[in-house]
Protein backbone atom coordinates (compact mmCIF):
# COMPACT_ATOMS: atom_id res chain seq x y z
CA UNK A 1 -8.58 8.74 -2.42
CA UNK A 2 -6.71 5.44 -2.09
CA UNK A 3 -7.34 2.62 -4.53
CA UNK A 4 -6.37 -0.77 -3.16
CA UNK A 5 -5.67 -3.74 -5.39
CA UNK A 6 -5.56 -7.29 -4.07
CA UNK A 7 -3.95 -10.24 -5.82
CA UNK A 8 -2.96 -13.82 -5.11
CA UNK A 9 -6.28 -15.55 -4.65
CA UNK A 10 -7.12 -18.87 -6.25
CA UNK A 11 -8.36 -22.43 -5.89
CA UNK A 12 -6.30 -24.72 -3.68
CA UNK A 13 -6.71 -27.93 -1.72
CA UNK A 14 -7.03 -28.18 2.03
CA UNK A 15 -3.60 -27.98 3.63
CA UNK A 16 -2.12 -25.84 0.88
CA UNK A 17 -0.81 -22.28 1.18
CA UNK A 18 -1.54 -19.00 -0.58
CA UNK A 19 -0.12 -15.52 -0.27
CA UNK A 20 -2.32 -12.51 -0.85
CA UNK A 21 -0.91 -9.11 -1.72
CA UNK A 22 -2.40 -5.65 -1.42
CA UNK A 23 -1.00 -2.52 -3.01
CA UNK A 24 -2.21 1.04 -3.43
CA UNK A 25 -2.58 1.92 -7.09
CA UNK A 26 -0.12 4.61 -8.09
CA UNK A 27 1.10 5.41 -4.60
CA UNK A 28 2.49 3.91 -1.41
CA UNK A 29 0.37 2.81 1.49
CA UNK A 30 2.07 5.48 3.57
CA UNK A 31 1.28 5.75 7.25
CA UNK A 32 -1.91 3.73 7.13
CA UNK A 33 -2.82 0.77 9.24
CA UNK A 34 -3.98 -2.14 7.14
CA UNK A 35 -6.39 -4.98 7.56
CA UNK A 36 -7.57 -8.10 5.80
CA UNK A 37 -11.22 -9.11 5.99
CA UNK A 38 -13.16 -11.90 4.34
CA UNK A 39 -16.73 -12.57 3.39
CA UNK A 40 -18.18 -15.98 2.68
CA UNK A 41 -21.50 -16.42 0.85
CA UNK A 42 -24.43 -15.58 3.09
CA UNK A 43 -22.19 -14.32 5.89
CA UNK A 44 -21.09 -10.93 7.14
CA UNK A 45 -17.66 -9.54 6.38
CA UNK A 46 -15.29 -10.56 9.16
CA UNK A 47 -11.90 -9.46 10.39
CA UNK A 48 -8.99 -11.75 9.54
CA UNK A 49 -5.78 -9.88 10.37
CA UNK A 50 -4.51 -6.36 10.90
CA UNK A 51 -1.20 -4.52 11.14
CA UNK A 52 -0.38 -1.10 12.49
CA UNK A 53 1.04 1.62 10.30
CA UNK A 54 4.50 1.24 11.86
CA UNK A 55 4.46 -2.50 11.24
CA UNK A 56 3.10 -3.34 14.67
CA UNK A 57 1.01 -4.36 16.41
CA UNK A 58 -0.49 -7.26 14.54
CA UNK A 59 -3.72 -8.98 15.41
CA UNK A 60 -5.49 -12.07 14.13
CA UNK A 61 -8.91 -13.63 14.30
CA UNK A 62 -8.93 -16.71 16.51
CA UNK A 63 -9.85 -18.86 13.53
CA UNK A 64 -6.61 -18.03 11.68
CA UNK A 65 -4.17 -17.49 14.56
CA UNK A 66 -1.06 -19.59 14.00
CA UNK A 67 -1.88 -20.26 10.35
CA UNK A 68 -1.96 -16.77 8.78
CA UNK A 69 0.69 -14.06 8.95
CA UNK A 70 0.24 -10.43 8.00
CA UNK A 71 3.24 -8.30 7.11
CA UNK A 72 4.18 -5.13 5.29
CA UNK A 73 7.34 -4.13 3.46
CA UNK A 74 9.61 -1.36 4.73
CA UNK A 75 8.91 0.79 1.69
CA UNK A 76 5.22 0.70 2.63
CA UNK A 77 4.17 -0.40 -0.82
CA UNK A 78 2.69 -3.81 -0.02
CA UNK A 79 0.78 -5.65 2.66
CA UNK A 80 0.92 -9.42 2.52
CA UNK A 81 -1.22 -12.14 4.01
CA UNK A 82 0.53 -15.50 4.11
CA UNK A 83 -2.06 -18.22 4.56
CA UNK A 84 -0.87 -21.70 5.52
CA UNK A 85 -2.73 -24.93 6.25
CA UNK A 86 -5.80 -23.63 4.49
CA UNK A 87 -9.13 -25.18 5.37
CA UNK A 88 -12.44 -25.31 3.52
CA UNK A 89 -13.79 -22.85 6.11
CA UNK A 90 -11.31 -20.27 4.78
CA UNK A 91 -13.18 -20.10 1.48
CA UNK A 92 -14.30 -16.51 0.97
CA UNK A 93 -13.65 -13.29 -0.86
CA UNK A 94 -10.73 -11.59 0.86
CA UNK A 95 -10.62 -7.81 1.08
CA UNK A 96 -7.75 -5.48 1.86
CA UNK A 97 -8.57 -2.33 3.82
CA UNK A 98 -6.70 0.82 4.81
CA UNK A 99 -7.25 3.43 7.48
CA UNK A 100 -6.72 7.13 7.16
CA UNK A 101 -3.10 8.15 7.88
CA UNK A 102 -1.69 7.33 11.35
CA UNK A 103 -4.95 5.82 12.54
CA UNK A 104 -4.64 2.65 14.62
CA UNK A 105 -5.42 -0.80 13.34
CA UNK A 106 -8.87 -2.09 14.28
CA UNK A 107 -11.01 -5.18 13.92
CA UNK A 108 -14.24 -3.53 12.76
CA UNK A 109 -15.08 -2.63 9.18
CA UNK A 110 -15.84 0.91 10.41
CA UNK A 111 -12.19 1.29 11.43
CA UNK A 112 -11.16 1.37 7.77
CA UNK A 113 -11.77 4.08 5.17
CA UNK A 114 -10.66 2.38 1.96
CA UNK A 115 -11.33 -1.06 0.52
CA UNK A 116 -10.15 -3.14 -2.36
CA UNK A 117 -12.41 -5.05 -4.74
CA UNK A 118 -11.56 -8.40 -3.18
CA UNK A 119 -9.91 -11.59 -4.34
CA UNK A 120 -11.52 -15.03 -4.23
CA UNK A 121 -9.93 -17.80 -2.17
CA UNK A 122 -11.47 -21.23 -2.60
CA UNK A 123 -10.27 -24.24 -0.63
CA UNK A 124 -11.45 -27.68 -1.62
CA UNK A 125 -11.56 -30.43 1.00
C-alpha cells in the first residue's frame, strides 16, 4: 500500500504561481509513474500532467501546456507540479496519483492505483 501526501495548495490571484508537492508517506515513490489530476466542483476528475517512472516521458493537458511543469527528484522521493500564470479556471482540488511499479504513465484515472487526499488550489480573478 502506498500513501500519497500532497502539499502546497492555497489561495492565489490570477497570474501567480504555486508549486505542489507529492510524497509517499514513509517510503520512496520507487519505480512508479506519477500523475497529477484535478477536480473542480460539479466536474469530473481530469488529467493535468504525468511523468514516467524514469523521469520521462512527461505529458500535459492542453489547458496547462506551457504553464505547468511536472518533475521528480533523482532520489524518487518527491513529485512536483510547478504551476505558473494561474487562471481562475485552474481552481480545483489537485490529486497526486501513482501507478504500480514500472507501469507507464497514463492520462486516465484507471491508469493509477494509488491516490492522495488532494490539496485545494483556488485562483481569484
